[in-house]
Amino acid sequence: MQLLVLILKKTELVNELMIELAEAGIHGGTMIDSTGMANVIGDLEDMPMFSLLRSVLNHDGRKECSKTMLFVVKDAEMDKARQTIRNVLGDLSAPNTAVMFALPVTFVEGLGE
């Protein structure tokens, strides 16, 4: 099993993504509201160093929230989950789309399986 982590910047697609994942058999995810580093640094703009960092990290100056989504996925279902996410979001290398990665899960309790 693996922990699939998706940090979604295109939050307007969250409902469509959750529906598509459920239809693909990927269930039991958890979604957390999150904020990127550029937004946090923006709150410290009275300090010159942080103002410079904010301008480098946050290209358009908008404050944005993101959604961090966590799914425990069976190894055999990982490709299906990743492809479903790509089908909804498109090219993840495009700016302000998403970041996706997975970590090995050594044990799971409480999933009811």
N, C-alpha and C. Protein backbone atom coordinates (compact mmCIF):
# COMPACT_ATOMS: atom_id res chain seq x y z
N MET A 1 0.84 -1.17 0.00
CA MET A 1 0.00 0.00 0.00
C MET A 1 0.89 1.25 0.00
N GLN A 2 0.28 2.33 -0.49
CA GLN A 2 1.00 3.59 -0.55
C GLN A 2 0.09 4.73 -0.11
N LEU A 3 0.72 5.79 0.39
CA LEU A 3 0.00 7.01 0.70
C LEU A 3 0.17 7.94 -0.50
N LEU A 4 -0.91 8.18 -1.21
CA LEU A 4 -0.91 9.09 -2.34
C LEU A 4 -1.25 10.48 -1.82
N VAL A 5 -0.36 11.43 -2.07
CA VAL A 5 -0.54 12.80 -1.61
C VAL A 5 -0.70 13.69 -2.84
N LEU A 6 -1.74 14.48 -2.84
CA LEU A 6 -1.97 15.43 -3.92
C LEU A 6 -2.17 16.81 -3.30
N ILE A 7 -1.31 17.74 -3.66
CA ILE A 7 -1.47 19.13 -3.22
C ILE A 7 -2.06 19.87 -4.40
N LEU A 8 -3.33 20.18 -4.31
CA LEU A 8 -4.11 20.70 -5.42
C LEU A 8 -4.23 22.21 -5.34
N LYS A 9 -3.67 22.89 -6.34
CA LYS A 9 -3.80 24.34 -6.43
C LYS A 9 -5.08 24.73 -7.18
N LYS A 10 -5.51 23.92 -8.13
CA LYS A 10 -6.73 24.19 -8.89
C LYS A 10 -7.94 23.70 -8.08
N THR A 11 -8.24 24.43 -7.01
CA THR A 11 -9.27 23.99 -6.09
C THR A 11 -10.67 23.97 -6.72
N GLU A 12 -10.84 24.68 -7.82
CA GLU A 12 -12.14 24.67 -8.50
C GLU A 12 -12.46 23.29 -9.09
N LEU A 13 -11.46 22.42 -9.17
CA LEU A 13 -11.66 21.08 -9.72
C LEU A 13 -11.84 20.01 -8.64
N VAL A 14 -11.89 20.40 -7.38
CA VAL A 14 -11.91 19.41 -6.30
C VAL A 14 -13.15 18.52 -6.38
N ASN A 15 -14.33 19.07 -6.63
CA ASN A 15 -15.54 18.24 -6.69
C ASN A 15 -15.47 17.24 -7.84
N GLU A 16 -15.09 17.71 -9.02
CA GLU A 16 -14.96 16.80 -10.17
C GLU A 16 -13.93 15.71 -9.89
N LEU A 17 -12.82 16.09 -9.28
CA LEU A 17 -11.77 15.13 -8.98
C LEU A 17 -12.25 14.07 -8.00
N MET A 18 -12.93 14.47 -6.95
CA MET A 18 -13.43 13.51 -5.97
C MET A 18 -14.44 12.54 -6.59
N ILE A 19 -15.31 13.05 -7.46
CA ILE A 19 -16.29 12.19 -8.14
C ILE A 19 -15.58 11.18 -9.03
N GLU A 20 -14.62 11.65 -9.81
CA GLU A 20 -13.90 10.75 -10.73
C GLU A 20 -13.10 9.70 -9.97
N LEU A 21 -12.47 10.09 -8.87
CA LEU A 21 -11.72 9.12 -8.07
C LEU A 21 -12.65 8.07 -7.47
N ALA A 22 -13.80 8.50 -6.96
CA ALA A 22 -14.77 7.56 -6.40
C ALA A 22 -15.27 6.59 -7.46
N GLU A 23 -15.54 7.10 -8.66
CA GLU A 23 -16.00 6.24 -9.75
C GLU A 23 -14.91 5.26 -10.19
N ALA A 24 -13.63 5.64 -9.98
CA ALA A 24 -12.52 4.75 -10.32
C ALA A 24 -12.22 3.75 -9.20
N GLY A 25 -12.98 3.84 -8.10
CA GLY A 25 -12.81 2.91 -7.00
C GLY A 25 -11.81 3.36 -5.94
N ILE A 26 -11.40 4.61 -6.00
CA ILE A 26 -10.48 5.17 -5.01
C ILE A 26 -11.33 5.89 -3.96
N HIS A 27 -11.41 5.31 -2.77
CA HIS A 27 -12.28 5.83 -1.72
C HIS A 27 -11.48 6.15 -0.47
N GLY A 28 -12.13 6.81 0.47
CA GLY A 28 -11.55 7.00 1.79
C GLY A 28 -10.48 8.06 1.88
N GLY A 29 -10.50 9.01 0.99
CA GLY A 29 -9.51 10.08 1.05
C GLY A 29 -9.83 11.10 2.13
N THR A 30 -8.81 11.82 2.50
CA THR A 30 -8.94 12.93 3.45
C THR A 30 -8.45 14.19 2.78
N MET A 31 -9.18 15.28 2.97
CA MET A 31 -8.81 16.55 2.36
C MET A 31 -8.56 17.58 3.46
N ILE A 32 -7.44 18.28 3.32
CA ILE A 32 -7.03 19.28 4.30
C ILE A 32 -6.82 20.60 3.58
N ASP A 33 -7.35 21.70 4.13
CA ASP A 33 -7.04 23.02 3.58
C ASP A 33 -5.58 23.32 3.88
N SER A 34 -4.88 23.87 2.90
CA SER A 34 -3.45 24.15 3.08
C SER A 34 -3.09 25.47 2.42
N THR A 35 -1.93 25.97 2.79
CA THR A 35 -1.43 27.23 2.26
C THR A 35 0.02 27.03 1.85
N GLY A 36 0.37 27.55 0.68
CA GLY A 36 1.73 27.43 0.19
C GLY A 36 2.69 28.38 0.87
N MET A 37 3.96 28.09 0.73
CA MET A 37 5.01 28.88 1.35
C MET A 37 4.97 30.34 0.93
N ALA A 38 4.68 30.61 -0.34
CA ALA A 38 4.65 31.99 -0.83
C ALA A 38 3.61 32.82 -0.09
N ASN A 39 2.47 32.21 0.26
CA ASN A 39 1.44 32.94 1.00
C ASN A 39 1.88 33.26 2.42
N VAL A 40 2.56 32.35 3.05
CA VAL A 40 3.04 32.58 4.41
C VAL A 40 4.08 33.68 4.41
N ILE A 41 5.00 33.63 3.47
CA ILE A 41 6.03 34.66 3.38
C ILE A 41 5.40 36.01 3.10
N GLY A 42 4.33 36.03 2.32
CA GLY A 42 3.64 37.29 2.02
C GLY A 42 3.12 37.97 3.27
N ASP A 43 2.78 37.19 4.29
CA ASP A 43 2.31 37.77 5.54
C ASP A 43 3.43 38.45 6.32
N LEU A 44 4.67 38.20 5.94
CA LEU A 44 5.83 38.77 6.62
C LEU A 44 6.49 39.86 5.79
N GLU A 45 5.73 40.51 4.91
CA GLU A 45 6.32 41.41 3.91
C GLU A 45 6.96 42.66 4.49
N ASP A 46 6.74 42.95 5.77
CA ASP A 46 7.40 44.12 6.35
C ASP A 46 8.90 43.90 6.55
N MET A 47 9.35 42.67 6.39
CA MET A 47 10.77 42.37 6.48
C MET A 47 11.33 42.26 5.06
N PRO A 48 12.33 43.05 4.69
CA PRO A 48 12.81 43.11 3.31
C PRO A 48 13.19 41.76 2.71
N MET A 49 13.84 40.90 3.47
CA MET A 49 14.25 39.61 2.94
C MET A 49 13.03 38.77 2.54
N PHE A 50 12.00 38.78 3.39
CA PHE A 50 10.81 38.00 3.11
C PHE A 50 10.02 38.58 1.94
N SER A 51 10.04 39.87 1.80
CA SER A 51 9.38 40.51 0.66
C SER A 51 10.01 40.05 -0.64
N LEU A 52 11.33 39.97 -0.67
CA LEU A 52 12.04 39.49 -1.86
C LEU A 52 11.70 38.03 -2.14
N LEU A 53 11.70 37.20 -1.12
CA LEU A 53 11.35 35.79 -1.30
C LEU A 53 9.92 35.65 -1.82
N ARG A 54 9.00 36.46 -1.29
CA ARG A 54 7.61 36.39 -1.74
C ARG A 54 7.51 36.70 -3.23
N SER A 55 8.25 37.70 -3.68
CA SER A 55 8.19 38.06 -5.09
C SER A 55 8.74 36.96 -5.98
N VAL A 56 9.68 36.19 -5.46
CA VAL A 56 10.25 35.08 -6.23
C VAL A 56 9.29 33.89 -6.26
N LEU A 57 8.67 33.58 -5.13
CA LEU A 57 7.85 32.38 -5.01
C LEU A 57 6.42 32.57 -5.47
N ASN A 58 5.89 33.76 -5.41
CA ASN A 58 4.49 34.01 -5.73
C ASN A 58 4.43 34.99 -6.89
N HIS A 59 4.38 34.47 -8.08
CA HIS A 59 4.55 35.27 -9.29
C HIS A 59 3.49 36.34 -9.50
N ASP A 60 2.25 36.08 -9.17
CA ASP A 60 1.20 37.06 -9.48
C ASP A 60 0.67 37.79 -8.25
N GLY A 61 1.20 37.54 -7.08
CA GLY A 61 0.82 38.28 -5.89
C GLY A 61 -0.51 37.87 -5.26
N ARG A 62 -1.20 36.89 -5.83
CA ARG A 62 -2.48 36.47 -5.26
C ARG A 62 -2.28 35.58 -4.05
N LYS A 63 -3.16 35.72 -3.08
CA LYS A 63 -3.17 34.80 -1.96
C LYS A 63 -4.07 33.64 -2.35
N GLU A 64 -3.52 32.45 -2.28
CA GLU A 64 -4.29 31.28 -2.68
C GLU A 64 -4.22 30.21 -1.62
N CYS A 65 -5.29 29.48 -1.53
CA CYS A 65 -5.31 28.29 -0.69
C CYS A 65 -5.20 27.09 -1.61
N SER A 66 -4.81 26.00 -1.04
CA SER A 66 -4.76 24.76 -1.79
C SER A 66 -5.44 23.69 -0.95
N LYS A 67 -5.63 22.54 -1.54
CA LYS A 67 -6.20 21.39 -0.84
C LYS A 67 -5.13 20.30 -0.86
N THR A 68 -4.83 19.77 0.30
CA THR A 68 -3.93 18.62 0.38
C THR A 68 -4.81 17.40 0.57
N MET A 69 -4.70 16.47 -0.37
CA MET A 69 -5.54 15.29 -0.38
C MET A 69 -4.68 14.07 -0.12
N LEU A 70 -5.14 13.20 0.78
CA LEU A 70 -4.40 12.02 1.19
C LEU A 70 -5.25 10.78 0.94
N PHE A 71 -4.67 9.79 0.28
CA PHE A 71 -5.37 8.54 0.00
C PHE A 71 -4.43 7.37 0.29
N VAL A 72 -4.91 6.39 1.04
CA VAL A 72 -4.17 5.13 1.18
C VAL A 72 -4.65 4.25 0.03
N VAL A 73 -3.72 3.90 -0.85
CA VAL A 73 -4.06 3.21 -2.10
C VAL A 73 -3.29 1.89 -2.18
N LYS A 74 -3.99 0.85 -2.58
CA LYS A 74 -3.33 -0.43 -2.83
C LYS A 74 -2.38 -0.27 -4.01
N ASP A 75 -1.27 -0.98 -3.96
CA ASP A 75 -0.28 -0.89 -5.03
C ASP A 75 -0.90 -1.14 -6.40
N ALA A 76 -1.80 -2.10 -6.48
CA ALA A 76 -2.42 -2.45 -7.76
C ALA A 76 -3.33 -1.35 -8.29
N GLU A 77 -3.78 -0.43 -7.43
CA GLU A 77 -4.68 0.64 -7.85
C GLU A 77 -3.97 1.98 -8.07
N MET A 78 -2.67 2.03 -7.80
CA MET A 78 -1.94 3.29 -7.87
C MET A 78 -1.95 3.90 -9.27
N ASP A 79 -1.70 3.09 -10.29
CA ASP A 79 -1.70 3.63 -11.67
C ASP A 79 -3.06 4.20 -12.04
N LYS A 80 -4.14 3.50 -11.64
CA LYS A 80 -5.49 3.99 -11.93
C LYS A 80 -5.75 5.32 -11.22
N ALA A 81 -5.32 5.44 -9.97
CA ALA A 81 -5.51 6.69 -9.22
C ALA A 81 -4.75 7.83 -9.88
N ARG A 82 -3.49 7.59 -10.23
CA ARG A 82 -2.68 8.64 -10.85
C ARG A 82 -3.25 9.06 -12.20
N GLN A 83 -3.70 8.10 -12.99
CA GLN A 83 -4.25 8.43 -14.30
C GLN A 83 -5.56 9.20 -14.18
N THR A 84 -6.38 8.84 -13.21
CA THR A 84 -7.63 9.57 -12.98
C THR A 84 -7.35 11.02 -12.61
N ILE A 85 -6.37 11.23 -11.75
CA ILE A 85 -5.99 12.59 -11.36
C ILE A 85 -5.50 13.36 -12.58
N ARG A 86 -4.65 12.75 -13.39
CA ARG A 86 -4.14 13.42 -14.59
C ARG A 86 -5.27 13.71 -15.59
N ASN A 87 -6.24 12.82 -15.70
CA ASN A 87 -7.35 13.04 -16.62
C ASN A 87 -8.16 14.28 -16.24
N VAL A 88 -8.33 14.51 -14.94
CA VAL A 88 -9.10 15.66 -14.48
C VAL A 88 -8.26 16.94 -14.51
N LEU A 89 -7.02 16.86 -14.03
CA LEU A 89 -6.21 18.06 -13.88
C LEU A 89 -5.38 18.42 -15.10
N GLY A 90 -5.14 17.47 -15.96
CA GLY A 90 -4.27 17.73 -17.11
C GLY A 90 -2.81 17.62 -16.72
N ASP A 91 -1.99 18.38 -17.37
CA ASP A 91 -0.54 18.34 -17.19
C ASP A 91 -0.15 18.92 -15.83
N LEU A 92 0.35 18.09 -14.94
CA LEU A 92 0.71 18.55 -13.61
C LEU A 92 1.96 19.42 -13.60
N SER A 93 2.71 19.43 -14.70
CA SER A 93 3.89 20.28 -14.75
C SER A 93 3.53 21.73 -15.08
N ALA A 94 2.28 21.98 -15.45
CA ALA A 94 1.84 23.36 -15.70
C ALA A 94 1.81 24.11 -14.37
N PRO A 95 2.17 25.39 -14.38
CA PRO A 95 2.21 26.17 -13.13
C PRO A 95 0.86 26.19 -12.42
N ASN A 96 0.92 26.19 -11.10
CA ASN A 96 -0.27 26.31 -10.25
C ASN A 96 -1.34 25.26 -10.52
N THR A 97 -0.90 24.04 -10.76
CA THR A 97 -1.83 22.94 -10.98
C THR A 97 -1.89 22.06 -9.74
N ALA A 98 -0.86 21.25 -9.54
CA ALA A 98 -0.83 20.32 -8.41
C ALA A 98 0.56 19.71 -8.30
N VAL A 99 0.79 19.12 -7.15
CA VAL A 99 1.97 18.29 -6.92
C VAL A 99 1.44 16.96 -6.40
N MET A 100 1.95 15.86 -6.97
CA MET A 100 1.50 14.53 -6.58
C MET A 100 2.72 13.68 -6.28
N PHE A 101 2.65 12.94 -5.16
CA PHE A 101 3.71 11.99 -4.84
C PHE A 101 3.13 10.90 -3.95
N ALA A 102 3.88 9.83 -3.77
CA ALA A 102 3.44 8.72 -2.94
C ALA A 102 4.56 8.28 -2.01
N LEU A 103 4.15 7.77 -0.87
CA LEU A 103 5.07 7.24 0.13
C LEU A 103 4.63 5.83 0.50
N PRO A 104 5.57 4.95 0.77
CA PRO A 104 5.18 3.59 1.18
C PRO A 104 4.48 3.60 2.53
N VAL A 105 3.49 2.74 2.66
CA VAL A 105 2.75 2.58 3.91
C VAL A 105 3.12 1.21 4.47
N THR A 106 3.66 1.21 5.68
CA THR A 106 4.09 -0.06 6.27
C THR A 106 2.97 -0.78 7.01
N PHE A 107 1.96 -0.07 7.46
CA PHE A 107 0.79 -0.70 8.06
C PHE A 107 -0.39 0.25 8.01
N VAL A 108 -1.58 -0.32 8.11
CA VAL A 108 -2.82 0.47 8.13
C VAL A 108 -3.75 -0.18 9.15
N GLU A 109 -4.36 0.64 9.98
CA GLU A 109 -5.40 0.19 10.90
C GLU A 109 -6.58 1.14 10.78
N GLY A 110 -7.78 0.61 10.90
CA GLY A 110 -8.95 1.46 10.96
C GLY A 110 -9.60 1.76 9.62
N LEU A 111 -9.20 1.08 8.57
CA LEU A 111 -9.85 1.32 7.28
C LEU A 111 -11.10 0.46 7.09
N GLY A 112 -11.32 -0.49 7.98
CA GLY A 112 -12.51 -1.31 7.89
C GLY A 112 -12.46 -2.34 6.79
N GLU A 113 -11.27 -2.70 6.35
CA GLU A 113 -11.17 -3.72 5.29
C GLU A 113 -10.92 -5.07 5.86
